[in-house]
Amino acid sequence: MMQAVVHADGRLTLGGFVFRAALGRGGVRRDKQEGDGATPEGVLPLRRVLYRADRVAPPRAAVPREPIAPADGWCDDVSSPDYNRMIRLPHPARHEVLWRDDALYDILGVLGWNDDPPLRGRGSAIFLHVTRPDLAPTEGCIALPAADLRTLLSAGLDAILVLGG
């Protein structure tokens, strides 16, 4: 098992690998809050890997893997008892759809942020996922090009240490 290090400038290192990653538009913050667009500072364990089986082969990973389905979502509504948890759609609370038209969630690592237990307002849906082609900032997630993400996962990644500025 291995822990990658993410620097506030977007460098992600693991062993001898150095990757460019997209981080949150709000920078890296120790005091992460829902909706601030920041990537949380600290150790983020990789809980599991989700993937679109209709588009990609299952990625090699050191953690459990499972395919997602069109009815899968993630609750980001601070007033919901399902806050920061995977849900089935339709769902009455505000949520994110995991089955996207673009490729961003074709491979999706669920990172352990504010999940044990979730505290309302401390941030939700912090994922390791595929980046946009231009490496545009995320809403708080860590994103890499698909090939780099596969390399990282197959190296035995089990956590990411996010360093602040």
C-alpha atoms as a PDB file:
ATOM      1  CA  MET A   1       0.000   0.000   0.000  1.00  0.00           C
ATOM      2  CA  MET A   2       1.173   3.510  -0.738  1.00  0.00           C
ATOM      3  CA  GLN A   3       0.370   7.106   0.138  1.00  0.00           C
ATOM      4  CA  ALA A   4       0.634   9.812  -2.506  1.00  0.00           C
ATOM      5  CA  VAL A   5       1.487  13.412  -1.654  1.00  0.00           C
ATOM      6  CA  VAL A   6      -0.367  16.320  -3.245  1.00  0.00           C
ATOM      7  CA  HIS A   7       1.212  19.764  -3.069  1.00  0.00           C
ATOM      8  CA  ALA A   8      -0.824  22.980  -3.207  1.00  0.00           C
ATOM      9  CA  ASP A   9       0.708  23.742  -6.648  1.00  0.00           C
ATOM     10  CA  GLY A  10      -0.929  20.609  -8.109  1.00  0.00           C
ATOM     11  CA  ARG A  11       2.075  18.271  -8.081  1.00  0.00           C
ATOM     12  CA  LEU A  12       1.160  14.762  -6.997  1.00  0.00           C
ATOM     13  CA  THR A  13       3.997  12.390  -6.138  1.00  0.00           C
ATOM     14  CA  LEU A  14       4.026   8.679  -5.422  1.00  0.00           C
ATOM     15  CA  GLY A  15       7.302   6.816  -5.284  1.00  0.00           C
ATOM     16  CA  GLY A  16       9.217   7.893  -8.385  1.00  0.00           C
ATOM     17  CA  PHE A  17       6.107   9.182 -10.167  1.00  0.00           C
ATOM     18  CA  VAL A  18       5.283  12.892 -10.483  1.00  0.00           C
ATOM     19  CA  PHE A  19       1.883  13.831 -11.907  1.00  0.00           C
ATOM     20  CA  ARG A  20      -0.004  17.070 -12.573  1.00  0.00           C
ATOM     21  CA  ALA A  21      -3.304  17.144 -10.717  1.00  0.00           C
ATOM     22  CA  ALA A  22      -6.214  19.546 -10.741  1.00  0.00           C
ATOM     23  CA  LEU A  23      -7.246  20.715  -7.284  1.00  0.00           C
ATOM     24  CA  GLY A  24     -10.175  22.734  -5.985  1.00  0.00           C
ATOM     25  CA  ARG A  25     -10.852  26.208  -7.352  1.00  0.00           C
ATOM     26  CA  GLY A  26     -10.741  27.414  -3.717  1.00  0.00           C
ATOM     27  CA  GLY A  27      -7.186  26.133  -3.176  1.00  0.00           C
ATOM     28  CA  VAL A  28      -6.193  23.824  -0.332  1.00  0.00           C
ATOM     29  CA  ARG A  29      -7.786  24.546   3.048  1.00  0.00           C
ATOM     30  CA  ARG A  30      -7.397  23.062   6.502  1.00  0.00           C
ATOM     31  CA  ASP A  31     -10.839  24.461   7.460  1.00  0.00           C
ATOM     32  CA  LYS A  32     -12.778  22.956   4.527  1.00  0.00           C
ATOM     33  CA  GLN A  33     -16.470  23.935   4.382  1.00  0.00           C
ATOM     34  CA  GLU A  34     -19.309  22.817   2.108  1.00  0.00           C
ATOM     35  CA  GLY A  35     -19.401  24.847  -1.111  1.00  0.00           C
ATOM     36  CA  ASP A  36     -16.028  26.629  -0.706  1.00  0.00           C
ATOM     37  CA  GLY A  37     -14.521  24.799  -3.705  1.00  0.00           C
ATOM     38  CA  ALA A  38     -11.423  23.896  -1.672  1.00  0.00           C
ATOM     39  CA  THR A  39      -9.524  20.631  -1.512  1.00  0.00           C
ATOM     40  CA  PRO A  40      -9.197  19.613   2.134  1.00  0.00           C
ATOM     41  CA  GLU A  41      -5.718  19.541   3.688  1.00  0.00           C
ATOM     42  CA  GLY A  42      -4.743  16.340   5.488  1.00  0.00           C
ATOM     43  CA  VAL A  43      -4.625  12.586   4.993  1.00  0.00           C
ATOM     44  CA  LEU A  44      -7.454  11.332   2.789  1.00  0.00           C
ATOM     45  CA  PRO A  45      -7.706   7.529   2.803  1.00  0.00           C
ATOM     46  CA  LEU A  46      -8.881   5.908  -0.420  1.00  0.00           C
ATOM     47  CA  ARG A  47     -12.039   4.055   0.642  1.00  0.00           C
ATOM     48  CA  ARG A  48     -13.024   2.403  -2.662  1.00  0.00           C
ATOM     49  CA  VAL A  49     -12.973   2.889  -6.424  1.00  0.00           C
ATOM     50  CA  LEU A  50     -16.113   3.239  -8.520  1.00  0.00           C
ATOM     51  CA  TYR A  51     -16.125   3.022 -12.317  1.00  0.00           C
ATOM     52  CA  ARG A  52     -18.370   3.135 -15.389  1.00  0.00           C
ATOM     53  CA  ALA A  53     -18.279  -0.488 -16.563  1.00  0.00           C
ATOM     54  CA  ASP A  54     -20.050   0.489 -19.786  1.00  0.00           C
ATOM     55  CA  ARG A  55     -17.107   2.768 -20.704  1.00  0.00           C
ATOM     56  CA  VAL A  56     -13.936   1.521 -19.002  1.00  0.00           C
ATOM     57  CA  ALA A  57     -12.339  -1.688 -17.796  1.00  0.00           C
ATOM     58  CA  PRO A  58     -12.188  -2.108 -14.030  1.00  0.00           C
ATOM     59  CA  PRO A  59      -9.071  -0.285 -12.814  1.00  0.00           C
ATOM     60  CA  ARG A  60      -6.472  -2.215 -10.838  1.00  0.00           C
ATOM     61  CA  ALA A  61      -6.606  -0.995  -7.250  1.00  0.00           C
ATOM     62  CA  ALA A  62      -5.586  -1.989  -3.734  1.00  0.00           C
ATOM     63  CA  VAL A  63      -9.046  -1.095  -2.388  1.00  0.00           C
ATOM     64  CA  PRO A  64     -12.496  -2.498  -3.203  1.00  0.00           C
ATOM     65  CA  ARG A  65     -13.840  -1.667  -6.686  1.00  0.00           C
ATOM     66  CA  GLU A  66     -17.412  -1.618  -7.881  1.00  0.00           C
ATOM     67  CA  PRO A  67     -19.258  -0.445 -10.974  1.00  0.00           C
ATOM     68  CA  ILE A  68     -21.665   2.469 -10.723  1.00  0.00           C
ATOM     69  CA  ALA A  69     -25.171   2.508 -12.145  1.00  0.00           C
ATOM     70  CA  PRO A  70     -27.374   5.258 -13.617  1.00  0.00           C
ATOM     71  CA  ALA A  71     -29.265   5.556 -10.313  1.00  0.00           C
ATOM     72  CA  ASP A  72     -26.142   6.244  -8.206  1.00  0.00           C
ATOM     73  CA  GLY A  73     -25.647   9.635  -6.636  1.00  0.00           C
ATOM     74  CA  TRP A  74     -23.921  11.375  -3.714  1.00  0.00           C
ATOM     75  CA  CYS A  75     -25.789  13.565  -1.229  1.00  0.00           C
ATOM     76  CA  ASP A  76     -24.298  17.038  -0.659  1.00  0.00           C
ATOM     77  CA  ASP A  77     -27.284  18.501   1.203  1.00  0.00           C
ATOM     78  CA  VAL A  78     -26.207  19.520   4.732  1.00  0.00           C
ATOM     79  CA  SER A  79     -29.806  19.245   5.974  1.00  0.00           C
ATOM     80  CA  SER A  80     -30.158  15.597   4.890  1.00  0.00           C
ATOM     81  CA  PRO A  81     -29.432  12.570   7.100  1.00  0.00           C
ATOM     82  CA  ASP A  82     -27.717  11.149   3.973  1.00  0.00           C
ATOM     83  CA  TYR A  83     -25.192  14.041   3.848  1.00  0.00           C
ATOM     84  CA  ASN A  84     -21.857  12.941   2.347  1.00  0.00           C
ATOM     85  CA  ARG A  85     -23.068   9.449   1.536  1.00  0.00           C
ATOM     86  CA  MET A  86     -23.701   7.497  -1.646  1.00  0.00           C
ATOM     87  CA  ILE A  87     -27.419   7.408  -2.449  1.00  0.00           C
ATOM     88  CA  ARG A  88     -29.840   5.923  -4.969  1.00  0.00           C
ATOM     89  CA  LEU A  89     -31.739   8.241  -7.286  1.00  0.00           C
ATOM     90  CA  PRO A  90     -34.265   9.694  -7.335  1.00  0.00           C
ATOM     91  CA  HIS A  91     -33.491  11.291  -3.957  1.00  0.00           C
ATOM     92  CA  PRO A  92     -35.330  14.189  -2.321  1.00  0.00           C
ATOM     93  CA  ALA A  93     -32.226  16.007  -1.050  1.00  0.00           C
ATOM     94  CA  ARG A  94     -29.685  17.983  -3.127  1.00  0.00           C
ATOM     95  CA  HIS A  95     -27.181  15.579  -4.659  1.00  0.00           C
ATOM     96  CA  GLU A  96     -24.623  14.928  -7.324  1.00  0.00           C
ATOM     97  CA  VAL A  97     -25.266  12.379 -10.092  1.00  0.00           C
ATOM     98  CA  LEU A  98     -22.360   9.912 -10.399  1.00  0.00           C
ATOM     99  CA  TRP A  99     -23.426   8.593 -13.841  1.00  0.00           C
ATOM    100  CA  ARG A 100     -22.213  11.610 -15.838  1.00  0.00           C
ATOM    101  CA  ASP A 101     -22.398  12.391 -19.556  1.00  0.00           C
ATOM    102  CA  ASP A 102     -18.739  13.458 -19.542  1.00  0.00           C
ATOM    103  CA  ALA A 103     -15.844  11.183 -18.531  1.00  0.00           C
ATOM    104  CA  LEU A 104     -14.986  12.813 -15.180  1.00  0.00           C
ATOM    105  CA  TYR A 105     -16.437   9.991 -13.077  1.00  0.00           C
ATOM    106  CA  ASP A 106     -15.577   7.095 -15.387  1.00  0.00           C
ATOM    107  CA  ILE A 107     -13.032   6.223 -12.663  1.00  0.00           C
ATOM    108  CA  LEU A 108     -13.864   7.623  -9.246  1.00  0.00           C
ATOM    109  CA  GLY A 109     -11.928   7.116  -6.026  1.00  0.00           C
ATOM    110  CA  VAL A 110     -13.985   7.807  -2.908  1.00  0.00           C
ATOM    111  CA  LEU A 111     -11.697   9.705  -0.528  1.00  0.00           C
ATOM    112  CA  GLY A 112     -12.211   9.574   3.213  1.00  0.00           C
ATOM    113  CA  TRP A 113     -13.066  13.167   4.020  1.00  0.00           C
ATOM    114  CA  ASN A 114     -15.717  14.030   6.610  1.00  0.00           C
ATOM    115  CA  ASP A 115     -17.209  10.547   6.439  1.00  0.00           C
ATOM    116  CA  ASP A 116     -16.628   8.886   9.807  1.00  0.00           C
ATOM    117  CA  PRO A 117     -19.088  10.301  10.798  1.00  0.00           C
ATOM    118  CA  PRO A 118     -20.074  13.104   8.420  1.00  0.00           C
ATOM    119  CA  LEU A 119     -20.284  16.493  10.146  1.00  0.00           C
ATOM    120  CA  ARG A 120     -22.786  18.873   8.544  1.00  0.00           C
ATOM    121  CA  GLY A 121     -21.095  21.604   6.544  1.00  0.00           C
ATOM    122  CA  ARG A 122     -17.518  20.226   6.639  1.00  0.00           C
ATOM    123  CA  GLY A 123     -17.569  19.236   2.961  1.00  0.00           C
ATOM    124  CA  SER A 124     -18.848  16.331   0.909  1.00  0.00           C
ATOM    125  CA  ALA A 125     -18.172  14.366  -2.256  1.00  0.00           C
ATOM    126  CA  ILE A 126     -14.380  14.702  -2.143  1.00  0.00           C
ATOM    127  CA  PHE A 127     -13.240  12.326  -4.864  1.00  0.00           C
ATOM    128  CA  LEU A 128     -10.183  11.319  -6.856  1.00  0.00           C
ATOM    129  CA  HIS A 129     -11.397  11.404 -10.455  1.00  0.00           C
ATOM    130  CA  VAL A 130     -10.573  11.999 -14.110  1.00  0.00           C
ATOM    131  CA  THR A 131      -9.694  15.610 -14.935  1.00  0.00           C
ATOM    132  CA  ARG A 132     -11.061  17.799 -17.664  1.00  0.00           C
ATOM    133  CA  PRO A 133      -8.717  17.901 -20.700  1.00  0.00           C
ATOM    134  CA  ASP A 134      -7.420  21.371 -19.730  1.00  0.00           C
ATOM    135  CA  LEU A 135      -6.752  20.414 -16.058  1.00  0.00           C
ATOM    136  CA  ALA A 136      -9.355  22.993 -14.972  1.00  0.00           C
ATOM    137  CA  PRO A 137      -9.855  23.345 -11.205  1.00  0.00           C
ATOM    138  CA  THR A 138     -12.387  21.084  -9.494  1.00  0.00           C
ATOM    139  CA  GLU A 139     -15.060  21.829  -6.897  1.00  0.00           C
ATOM    140  CA  GLY A 140     -12.710  20.435  -4.218  1.00  0.00           C
ATOM    141  CA  CYS A 141     -11.732  17.038  -5.597  1.00  0.00           C
ATOM    142  CA  ILE A 142      -8.340  15.836  -6.832  1.00  0.00           C
ATOM    143  CA  ALA A 143      -8.372  15.029 -10.563  1.00  0.00           C
ATOM    144  CA  LEU A 144      -5.810  13.499 -12.919  1.00  0.00           C
ATOM    145  CA  PRO A 145      -5.782  12.458 -16.578  1.00  0.00           C
ATOM    146  CA  ALA A 146      -7.302   8.963 -16.899  1.00  0.00           C
ATOM    147  CA  ALA A 147      -4.004   7.201 -17.738  1.00  0.00           C
ATOM    148  CA  ASP A 148      -2.256   8.826 -14.752  1.00  0.00           C
ATOM    149  CA  LEU A 149      -5.158   7.935 -12.474  1.00  0.00           C
ATOM    150  CA  ARG A 150      -4.946   4.287 -13.571  1.00  0.00           C
ATOM    151  CA  THR A 151      -1.161   4.293 -12.943  1.00  0.00           C
ATOM    152  CA  LEU A 152      -1.655   5.774  -9.489  1.00  0.00           C
ATOM    153  CA  LEU A 153      -4.336   3.263  -8.525  1.00  0.00           C
ATOM    154  CA  SER A 154      -2.407   0.277  -9.876  1.00  0.00           C
ATOM    155  CA  ALA A 155       0.657   1.316  -7.831  1.00  0.00           C
ATOM    156  CA  GLY A 156      -1.252   0.349  -4.699  1.00  0.00           C
ATOM    157  CA  LEU A 157      -2.502   3.774  -3.622  1.00  0.00           C
ATOM    158  CA  ASP A 158      -4.387   3.668  -0.331  1.00  0.00           C
ATOM    159  CA  ALA A 159      -4.248   7.301   0.843  1.00  0.00           C
ATOM    160  CA  ILE A 160      -3.387  10.819  -0.272  1.00  0.00           C
ATOM    161  CA  LEU A 161      -1.654  13.381   1.924  1.00  0.00           C
ATOM    162  CA  VAL A 162      -2.765  16.853   0.802  1.00  0.00           C
ATOM    163  CA  LEU A 163      -0.332  19.571   1.861  1.00  0.00           C
ATOM    164  CA  GLY A 164      -1.350  23.195   2.232  1.00  0.00           C
ATOM    165  CA  GLY A 165       0.517  26.190   0.825  1.00  0.00           C
END
